[in-house]
Amino acid sequence: MKRFAKLADLAALLGQEFAVSGEVRVEQSRIDAFARATDDHQWIHVDAARAAAGPFGATIAHGFLTLALLPRLMYESFAFDDVRMGLNYGLDRLRFPSPVPVGSVLRARFKLLAFEAIEGGAQIVVEATIERAGQAKPVCVAEMVTRQYI
């Protein structure tokens, strides 16, 4: 975990990778729970027998499940001692360049794209690149916009 004493310390790292997460394994139980939560029961995600004969040879995680793992990956990767609250403000760009087959091990890399002072804190844009172990192509690249309040 990368800890910053002050949110303002992050500004010096503009354009640089500043944190890397630990790993998370994507099991079928997580995929099934996500399918229930979102009512997205497409066979490629939840029907192991049918998916085995499909294009990926196994079930794959929903793209939005991969995206939904970002808060966990973020919270275990970096923190600011003087921030009392962080809010998701949106996404500027989001892509899912490759699938996440069941059993995949993922981790995220975080790069600072923008840092702007706002009243009470800062708005930051972070490029999050989620990688799958053993795969060169990322599974998700998202430009996350958050507001951090001190």
N, C-alpha and C. Protein backbone atom coordinates (compact mmCIF):
# COMPACT_ATOMS: atom_id res chain seq x y z
N MET A 1 0.85 -1.18 0.00
CA MET A 1 0.00 0.00 0.00
C MET A 1 0.89 1.24 0.00
N LYS A 2 0.60 2.13 -0.91
CA LYS A 2 1.30 3.42 -0.99
C LYS A 2 0.50 4.43 -0.18
N ARG A 3 1.11 4.99 0.85
CA ARG A 3 0.44 5.98 1.70
C ARG A 3 1.05 7.35 1.42
N PHE A 4 0.18 8.31 1.27
CA PHE A 4 0.60 9.70 1.09
C PHE A 4 0.17 10.46 2.34
N ALA A 5 1.11 11.20 2.95
CA ALA A 5 0.76 12.01 4.12
C ALA A 5 -0.27 13.06 3.75
N LYS A 6 -0.09 13.63 2.55
CA LYS A 6 -1.00 14.68 2.10
C LYS A 6 -1.44 14.40 0.67
N LEU A 7 -2.70 14.68 0.41
CA LEU A 7 -3.24 14.54 -0.94
C LEU A 7 -2.40 15.33 -1.94
N ALA A 8 -1.98 16.52 -1.54
CA ALA A 8 -1.20 17.39 -2.43
C ALA A 8 0.11 16.75 -2.88
N ASP A 9 0.62 15.78 -2.10
CA ASP A 9 1.87 15.10 -2.48
C ASP A 9 1.72 14.32 -3.78
N LEU A 10 0.49 13.92 -4.11
CA LEU A 10 0.26 13.15 -5.33
C LEU A 10 0.54 13.98 -6.58
N ALA A 11 0.31 15.28 -6.52
CA ALA A 11 0.45 16.15 -7.69
C ALA A 11 1.83 16.06 -8.32
N ALA A 12 2.85 15.80 -7.54
CA ALA A 12 4.22 15.72 -8.06
C ALA A 12 4.42 14.49 -8.95
N LEU A 13 3.48 13.57 -8.94
CA LEU A 13 3.62 12.33 -9.70
C LEU A 13 2.81 12.34 -11.00
N LEU A 14 2.44 13.52 -11.45
CA LEU A 14 1.66 13.65 -12.68
C LEU A 14 2.35 12.92 -13.83
N GLY A 15 1.59 12.08 -14.52
CA GLY A 15 2.12 11.32 -15.65
C GLY A 15 2.84 10.04 -15.27
N GLN A 16 2.88 9.73 -13.98
CA GLN A 16 3.63 8.56 -13.52
C GLN A 16 2.72 7.51 -12.89
N GLU A 17 3.16 6.26 -12.97
CA GLU A 17 2.51 5.20 -12.21
C GLU A 17 2.88 5.42 -10.75
N PHE A 18 1.89 5.37 -9.87
CA PHE A 18 2.18 5.64 -8.46
C PHE A 18 1.75 4.52 -7.51
N ALA A 19 1.05 3.51 -8.03
CA ALA A 19 0.66 2.40 -7.15
C ALA A 19 0.29 1.18 -7.98
N VAL A 20 0.46 0.01 -7.36
CA VAL A 20 0.08 -1.26 -7.96
C VAL A 20 -0.65 -2.06 -6.88
N SER A 21 -1.77 -2.66 -7.26
CA SER A 21 -2.57 -3.40 -6.29
C SER A 21 -2.02 -4.80 -6.04
N GLY A 22 -2.62 -5.45 -5.06
CA GLY A 22 -2.42 -6.87 -4.88
C GLY A 22 -3.28 -7.61 -5.89
N GLU A 23 -3.37 -8.91 -5.73
CA GLU A 23 -4.10 -9.74 -6.69
C GLU A 23 -5.47 -10.12 -6.16
N VAL A 24 -6.39 -10.33 -7.11
CA VAL A 24 -7.72 -10.86 -6.79
C VAL A 24 -8.06 -11.92 -7.84
N ARG A 25 -8.56 -13.05 -7.37
CA ARG A 25 -8.95 -14.14 -8.26
C ARG A 25 -10.45 -14.01 -8.54
N VAL A 26 -10.81 -14.17 -9.80
CA VAL A 26 -12.22 -14.07 -10.20
C VAL A 26 -12.78 -15.48 -10.32
N GLU A 27 -13.53 -15.88 -9.31
CA GLU A 27 -14.14 -17.21 -9.26
C GLU A 27 -15.56 -17.18 -9.81
N GLN A 28 -16.08 -18.34 -10.16
CA GLN A 28 -17.43 -18.42 -10.70
C GLN A 28 -18.47 -17.91 -9.71
N SER A 29 -18.25 -18.13 -8.43
CA SER A 29 -19.21 -17.65 -7.43
C SER A 29 -19.35 -16.13 -7.48
N ARG A 30 -18.27 -15.41 -7.73
CA ARG A 30 -18.32 -13.96 -7.84
C ARG A 30 -19.07 -13.56 -9.12
N ILE A 31 -18.79 -14.26 -10.22
CA ILE A 31 -19.47 -13.99 -11.49
C ILE A 31 -20.97 -14.23 -11.33
N ASP A 32 -21.34 -15.33 -10.69
CA ASP A 32 -22.76 -15.65 -10.49
C ASP A 32 -23.44 -14.61 -9.61
N ALA A 33 -22.75 -14.17 -8.55
CA ALA A 33 -23.33 -13.14 -7.67
C ALA A 33 -23.54 -11.84 -8.43
N PHE A 34 -22.59 -11.49 -9.29
CA PHE A 34 -22.73 -10.27 -10.08
C PHE A 34 -23.91 -10.41 -11.06
N ALA A 35 -24.04 -11.58 -11.66
CA ALA A 35 -25.16 -11.82 -12.58
C ALA A 35 -26.49 -11.65 -11.85
N ARG A 36 -26.60 -12.18 -10.63
CA ARG A 36 -27.83 -12.02 -9.85
C ARG A 36 -28.07 -10.55 -9.50
N ALA A 37 -27.02 -9.84 -9.13
CA ALA A 37 -27.17 -8.44 -8.72
C ALA A 37 -27.58 -7.54 -9.88
N THR A 38 -27.17 -7.89 -11.09
CA THR A 38 -27.43 -7.02 -12.25
C THR A 38 -28.46 -7.58 -13.22
N ASP A 39 -28.96 -8.78 -12.94
CA ASP A 39 -29.89 -9.47 -13.84
C ASP A 39 -29.30 -9.69 -15.23
N ASP A 40 -27.98 -9.86 -15.30
CA ASP A 40 -27.30 -10.16 -16.55
C ASP A 40 -26.84 -11.61 -16.49
N HIS A 41 -27.69 -12.50 -16.98
CA HIS A 41 -27.44 -13.94 -16.91
C HIS A 41 -27.04 -14.52 -18.26
N GLN A 42 -26.38 -13.73 -19.10
CA GLN A 42 -25.95 -14.22 -20.41
C GLN A 42 -25.12 -15.50 -20.22
N TRP A 43 -25.34 -16.48 -21.09
CA TRP A 43 -24.71 -17.79 -20.95
C TRP A 43 -23.19 -17.73 -20.87
N ILE A 44 -22.56 -16.78 -21.55
CA ILE A 44 -21.10 -16.70 -21.56
C ILE A 44 -20.54 -16.46 -20.15
N HIS A 45 -21.39 -15.96 -19.25
CA HIS A 45 -20.98 -15.69 -17.88
C HIS A 45 -21.38 -16.80 -16.90
N VAL A 46 -22.52 -17.45 -17.12
CA VAL A 46 -23.08 -18.31 -16.08
C VAL A 46 -23.31 -19.76 -16.47
N ASP A 47 -23.19 -20.12 -17.71
CA ASP A 47 -23.43 -21.50 -18.16
C ASP A 47 -22.09 -22.14 -18.54
N ALA A 48 -21.49 -22.83 -17.56
CA ALA A 48 -20.14 -23.38 -17.77
C ALA A 48 -20.09 -24.37 -18.93
N ALA A 49 -21.10 -25.20 -19.05
CA ALA A 49 -21.09 -26.20 -20.12
C ALA A 49 -21.16 -25.54 -21.50
N ARG A 50 -22.06 -24.62 -21.66
CA ARG A 50 -22.20 -23.94 -22.94
C ARG A 50 -20.96 -23.07 -23.23
N ALA A 51 -20.46 -22.39 -22.20
CA ALA A 51 -19.30 -21.52 -22.38
C ALA A 51 -18.04 -22.32 -22.74
N ALA A 52 -17.95 -23.56 -22.26
CA ALA A 52 -16.79 -24.40 -22.59
C ALA A 52 -16.68 -24.62 -24.09
N ALA A 53 -17.82 -24.64 -24.76
CA ALA A 53 -17.82 -24.81 -26.22
C ALA A 53 -17.83 -23.47 -26.95
N GLY A 54 -17.81 -22.37 -26.20
CA GLY A 54 -17.86 -21.03 -26.78
C GLY A 54 -16.49 -20.50 -27.16
N PRO A 55 -16.42 -19.24 -27.51
CA PRO A 55 -15.19 -18.65 -28.04
C PRO A 55 -14.03 -18.56 -27.05
N PHE A 56 -14.30 -18.62 -25.74
CA PHE A 56 -13.23 -18.46 -24.75
C PHE A 56 -12.92 -19.75 -24.00
N GLY A 57 -13.68 -20.80 -24.24
CA GLY A 57 -13.43 -22.10 -23.63
C GLY A 57 -13.83 -22.22 -22.17
N ALA A 58 -14.43 -21.17 -21.63
CA ALA A 58 -14.88 -21.15 -20.24
C ALA A 58 -15.78 -19.93 -20.06
N THR A 59 -16.43 -19.87 -18.91
CA THR A 59 -17.18 -18.65 -18.63
C THR A 59 -16.21 -17.49 -18.46
N ILE A 60 -16.70 -16.29 -18.70
CA ILE A 60 -15.90 -15.08 -18.51
C ILE A 60 -16.66 -14.11 -17.61
N ALA A 61 -15.92 -13.28 -16.93
CA ALA A 61 -16.51 -12.26 -16.07
C ALA A 61 -17.16 -11.19 -16.93
N HIS A 62 -18.21 -10.60 -16.42
CA HIS A 62 -18.82 -9.43 -17.04
C HIS A 62 -17.79 -8.30 -17.07
N GLY A 63 -17.79 -7.51 -18.12
CA GLY A 63 -16.90 -6.36 -18.16
C GLY A 63 -17.14 -5.44 -16.98
N PHE A 64 -18.42 -5.24 -16.65
CA PHE A 64 -18.72 -4.33 -15.54
C PHE A 64 -18.37 -4.93 -14.19
N LEU A 65 -18.27 -6.25 -14.08
CA LEU A 65 -17.74 -6.86 -12.86
C LEU A 65 -16.27 -6.50 -12.72
N THR A 66 -15.53 -6.60 -13.81
CA THR A 66 -14.12 -6.23 -13.79
C THR A 66 -13.97 -4.78 -13.34
N LEU A 67 -14.79 -3.90 -13.90
CA LEU A 67 -14.78 -2.50 -13.51
C LEU A 67 -15.14 -2.34 -12.03
N ALA A 68 -16.12 -3.11 -11.57
CA ALA A 68 -16.58 -3.00 -10.18
C ALA A 68 -15.53 -3.45 -9.17
N LEU A 69 -14.50 -4.16 -9.62
CA LEU A 69 -13.42 -4.55 -8.72
C LEU A 69 -12.45 -3.39 -8.45
N LEU A 70 -12.55 -2.33 -9.25
CA LEU A 70 -11.60 -1.21 -9.08
C LEU A 70 -11.61 -0.59 -7.69
N PRO A 71 -12.76 -0.35 -7.06
CA PRO A 71 -12.68 0.22 -5.70
C PRO A 71 -11.85 -0.63 -4.75
N ARG A 72 -12.06 -1.94 -4.77
CA ARG A 72 -11.26 -2.82 -3.91
C ARG A 72 -9.78 -2.71 -4.24
N LEU A 73 -9.47 -2.77 -5.53
CA LEU A 73 -8.07 -2.70 -5.95
C LEU A 73 -7.46 -1.35 -5.58
N MET A 74 -8.24 -0.29 -5.70
CA MET A 74 -7.77 1.05 -5.32
C MET A 74 -7.51 1.15 -3.82
N TYR A 75 -8.50 0.74 -3.02
CA TYR A 75 -8.41 0.91 -1.57
C TYR A 75 -7.25 0.14 -0.97
N GLU A 76 -6.84 -0.94 -1.60
CA GLU A 76 -5.70 -1.68 -1.06
C GLU A 76 -4.38 -1.21 -1.64
N SER A 77 -4.43 -0.25 -2.57
CA SER A 77 -3.22 0.18 -3.27
C SER A 77 -2.65 1.51 -2.80
N PHE A 78 -3.55 2.45 -2.50
CA PHE A 78 -3.07 3.77 -2.08
C PHE A 78 -4.09 4.45 -1.19
N ALA A 79 -3.56 5.36 -0.35
CA ALA A 79 -4.41 6.11 0.58
C ALA A 79 -3.74 7.45 0.90
N PHE A 80 -4.57 8.38 1.32
CA PHE A 80 -4.11 9.72 1.70
C PHE A 80 -4.49 9.95 3.15
N ASP A 81 -3.50 10.24 4.00
CA ASP A 81 -3.76 10.40 5.43
C ASP A 81 -4.67 11.59 5.73
N ASP A 82 -4.65 12.61 4.89
CA ASP A 82 -5.45 13.80 5.19
C ASP A 82 -6.80 13.83 4.47
N VAL A 83 -7.15 12.79 3.74
CA VAL A 83 -8.43 12.76 3.03
C VAL A 83 -9.49 12.16 3.93
N ARG A 84 -10.60 12.90 4.11
CA ARG A 84 -11.69 12.42 4.95
C ARG A 84 -12.75 11.69 4.14
N MET A 85 -12.79 11.97 2.80
CA MET A 85 -13.81 11.35 1.97
C MET A 85 -13.40 11.44 0.51
N GLY A 86 -13.60 10.34 -0.21
CA GLY A 86 -13.38 10.32 -1.65
C GLY A 86 -14.67 9.93 -2.34
N LEU A 87 -14.96 10.59 -3.46
CA LEU A 87 -16.18 10.30 -4.22
C LEU A 87 -15.86 9.98 -5.66
N ASN A 88 -16.56 9.00 -6.19
CA ASN A 88 -16.46 8.68 -7.61
C ASN A 88 -17.18 9.79 -8.37
N TYR A 89 -16.51 10.41 -9.30
CA TYR A 89 -17.10 11.51 -10.08
C TYR A 89 -17.45 11.07 -11.50
N GLY A 90 -16.84 9.95 -11.94
CA GLY A 90 -17.17 9.42 -13.25
C GLY A 90 -15.98 8.80 -13.95
N LEU A 91 -16.19 8.52 -15.22
CA LEU A 91 -15.16 7.93 -16.07
C LEU A 91 -15.03 8.77 -17.33
N ASP A 92 -13.80 9.02 -17.77
CA ASP A 92 -13.59 9.72 -19.03
C ASP A 92 -13.44 8.75 -20.18
N ARG A 93 -12.93 7.57 -19.92
CA ARG A 93 -12.70 6.57 -20.97
C ARG A 93 -12.70 5.20 -20.31
N LEU A 94 -13.29 4.25 -21.00
CA LEU A 94 -13.36 2.90 -20.46
C LEU A 94 -13.30 1.91 -21.61
N ARG A 95 -12.41 0.93 -21.49
CA ARG A 95 -12.28 -0.11 -22.50
C ARG A 95 -12.03 -1.45 -21.82
N PHE A 96 -12.51 -2.53 -22.47
CA PHE A 96 -12.27 -3.90 -22.02
C PHE A 96 -11.54 -4.64 -23.15
N PRO A 97 -10.22 -4.47 -23.28
CA PRO A 97 -9.48 -5.00 -24.42
C PRO A 97 -9.42 -6.53 -24.52
N SER A 98 -9.57 -7.24 -23.40
CA SER A 98 -9.55 -8.69 -23.47
C SER A 98 -10.42 -9.27 -22.35
N PRO A 99 -10.86 -10.54 -22.52
CA PRO A 99 -11.78 -11.13 -21.55
C PRO A 99 -11.10 -11.57 -20.26
N VAL A 100 -11.93 -11.86 -19.26
CA VAL A 100 -11.47 -12.36 -17.96
C VAL A 100 -12.10 -13.74 -17.75
N PRO A 101 -11.41 -14.80 -18.18
CA PRO A 101 -11.94 -16.15 -17.97
C PRO A 101 -12.02 -16.47 -16.47
N VAL A 102 -13.00 -17.31 -16.12
CA VAL A 102 -13.15 -17.73 -14.73
C VAL A 102 -11.81 -18.27 -14.22
N GLY A 103 -11.48 -17.92 -12.98
CA GLY A 103 -10.21 -18.34 -12.37
C GLY A 103 -9.06 -17.38 -12.60
N SER A 104 -9.28 -16.34 -13.40
CA SER A 104 -8.22 -15.37 -13.68
C SER A 104 -7.77 -14.65 -12.41
N VAL A 105 -6.50 -14.32 -12.39
CA VAL A 105 -5.94 -13.52 -11.29
C VAL A 105 -5.65 -12.13 -11.86
N LEU A 106 -6.23 -11.12 -11.22
CA LEU A 106 -6.12 -9.74 -11.70
C LEU A 106 -5.36 -8.87 -10.71
N ARG A 107 -4.76 -7.82 -11.24
CA ARG A 107 -4.18 -6.75 -10.42
C ARG A 107 -4.29 -5.46 -11.23
N ALA A 108 -4.14 -4.32 -10.55
CA ALA A 108 -4.29 -3.03 -11.22
C ALA A 108 -3.06 -2.17 -11.01
N ARG A 109 -2.80 -1.36 -12.03
CA ARG A 109 -1.73 -0.35 -11.98
C ARG A 109 -2.42 1.01 -12.09
N PHE A 110 -1.92 1.98 -11.33
CA PHE A 110 -2.54 3.29 -11.27
C PHE A 110 -1.54 4.38 -11.68
N LYS A 111 -1.97 5.20 -12.63
CA LYS A 111 -1.14 6.28 -13.17
C LYS A 111 -1.92 7.59 -13.05
N LEU A 112 -1.29 8.63 -12.54
CA LEU A 112 -1.94 9.93 -12.38
C LEU A 112 -1.95 10.68 -13.71
N LEU A 113 -3.16 10.99 -14.20
CA LEU A 113 -3.30 11.75 -15.45
C LEU A 113 -3.58 13.23 -15.23
N ALA A 114 -4.25 13.56 -14.12
CA ALA A 114 -4.57 14.97 -13.85
C ALA A 114 -4.78 15.17 -12.35
N PHE A 115 -4.44 16.34 -11.89
CA PHE A 115 -4.62 16.73 -10.49
C PHE A 115 -5.04 18.19 -10.50
N GLU A 116 -6.24 18.46 -10.02
CA GLU A 116 -6.76 19.83 -10.03
C GLU A 116 -7.32 20.17 -8.65
N ALA A 117 -6.83 21.25 -8.07
CA ALA A 117 -7.35 21.69 -6.79
C ALA A 117 -8.80 22.14 -6.96
N ILE A 118 -9.65 21.72 -6.03
CA ILE A 118 -11.04 22.17 -5.98
C ILE A 118 -11.31 22.60 -4.54
N GLU A 119 -12.42 23.26 -4.34
CA GLU A 119 -12.75 23.70 -2.99
C GLU A 119 -12.83 22.49 -2.05
N GLY A 120 -11.99 22.48 -1.03
CA GLY A 120 -11.99 21.42 -0.05
C GLY A 120 -11.15 20.21 -0.38
N GLY A 121 -10.44 20.23 -1.52
CA GLY A 121 -9.63 19.06 -1.85
C GLY A 121 -9.10 19.10 -3.27
N ALA A 122 -9.25 18.00 -3.99
CA ALA A 122 -8.73 17.91 -5.35
C ALA A 122 -9.57 16.95 -6.18
N GLN A 123 -9.64 17.24 -7.46
CA GLN A 123 -10.20 16.29 -8.42
C GLN A 123 -9.02 15.64 -9.12
N ILE A 124 -8.99 14.32 -9.10
CA ILE A 124 -7.88 13.62 -9.73
C ILE A 124 -8.42 12.68 -10.82
N VAL A 125 -7.63 12.53 -11.86
CA VAL A 125 -7.94 11.58 -12.92
C VAL A 125 -6.82 10.54 -12.90
N VAL A 126 -7.22 9.31 -12.72
CA VAL A 126 -6.27 8.21 -12.60
C VAL A 126 -6.58 7.18 -13.68
N GLU A 127 -5.55 6.80 -14.42
CA GLU A 127 -5.70 5.70 -15.37
C GLU A 127 -5.46 4.41 -14.60
N ALA A 128 -6.49 3.58 -14.57
CA ALA A 128 -6.38 2.27 -13.93
C ALA A 128 -6.30 1.23 -15.03
N THR A 129 -5.25 0.45 -15.00
CA THR A 129 -5.06 -0.63 -15.97
C THR A 129 -5.11 -1.94 -15.21
N ILE A 130 -6.14 -2.73 -15.50
CA ILE A 130 -6.27 -4.03 -14.84
C ILE A 130 -5.66 -5.08 -15.76
N GLU A 131 -4.74 -5.83 -15.17
CA GLU A 131 -4.00 -6.85 -15.90
C GLU A 131 -4.43 -8.24 -15.43
N ARG A 132 -4.35 -9.20 -16.34
CA ARG A 132 -4.60 -10.61 -16.00
C ARG A 132 -3.27 -11.34 -15.99
N ALA A 133 -3.00 -12.08 -14.95
CA ALA A 133 -1.75 -12.83 -14.85
C ALA A 133 -1.58 -13.73 -16.07
N GLY A 134 -0.40 -13.68 -16.67
CA GLY A 134 -0.09 -14.51 -17.82
C GLY A 134 -0.59 -13.98 -19.14
N GLN A 135 -1.15 -12.79 -19.15
CA GLN A 135 -1.71 -12.19 -20.37
C GLN A 135 -1.09 -10.81 -20.57
N ALA A 136 -0.54 -10.55 -21.75
CA ALA A 136 0.10 -9.26 -22.02
C ALA A 136 -0.91 -8.13 -22.18
N LYS A 137 -2.05 -8.43 -22.78
CA LYS A 137 -3.06 -7.40 -23.05
C LYS A 137 -3.90 -7.16 -21.79
N PRO A 138 -4.13 -5.90 -21.41
CA PRO A 138 -4.95 -5.63 -20.23
C PRO A 138 -6.40 -6.07 -20.44
N VAL A 139 -7.10 -6.28 -19.33
CA VAL A 139 -8.51 -6.66 -19.41
C VAL A 139 -9.43 -5.45 -19.24
N CYS A 140 -8.90 -4.37 -18.68
CA CYS A 140 -9.69 -3.16 -18.50
C CYS A 140 -8.73 -1.97 -18.39
N VAL A 141 -9.08 -0.90 -19.07
CA VAL A 141 -8.36 0.36 -18.92
C VAL A 141 -9.43 1.43 -18.71
N ALA A 142 -9.36 2.10 -17.57
CA ALA A 142 -10.37 3.09 -17.22
C ALA A 142 -9.71 4.37 -16.73
N GLU A 143 -10.19 5.49 -17.22
CA GLU A 143 -9.77 6.79 -16.69
C GLU A 143 -10.82 7.20 -15.66
N MET A 144 -10.47 7.03 -14.41
CA MET A 144 -11.39 7.31 -13.32
C MET A 144 -11.21 8.74 -12.81
N VAL A 145 -12.31 9.41 -12.63
CA VAL A 145 -12.29 10.77 -12.09
C VAL A 145 -12.86 10.67 -10.68
N THR A 146 -12.06 11.09 -9.69
CA THR A 146 -12.54 11.09 -8.31
C THR A 146 -12.33 12.47 -7.70
N ARG A 147 -13.12 12.74 -6.70
CA ARG A 147 -12.94 13.96 -5.90
C ARG A 147 -12.56 13.53 -4.51
N GLN A 148 -11.44 14.05 -4.05
CA GLN A 148 -10.91 13.73 -2.74
C GLN A 148 -11.03 14.98 -1.86
N TYR A 149 -11.65 14.82 -0.71
CA TYR A 149 -11.87 15.96 0.19
C TYR A 149 -11.08 15.80 1.48
N ILE A 150 -10.36 16.89 1.84
CA ILE A 150 -9.55 16.86 3.06
C ILE A 150 -10.27 17.57 4.18
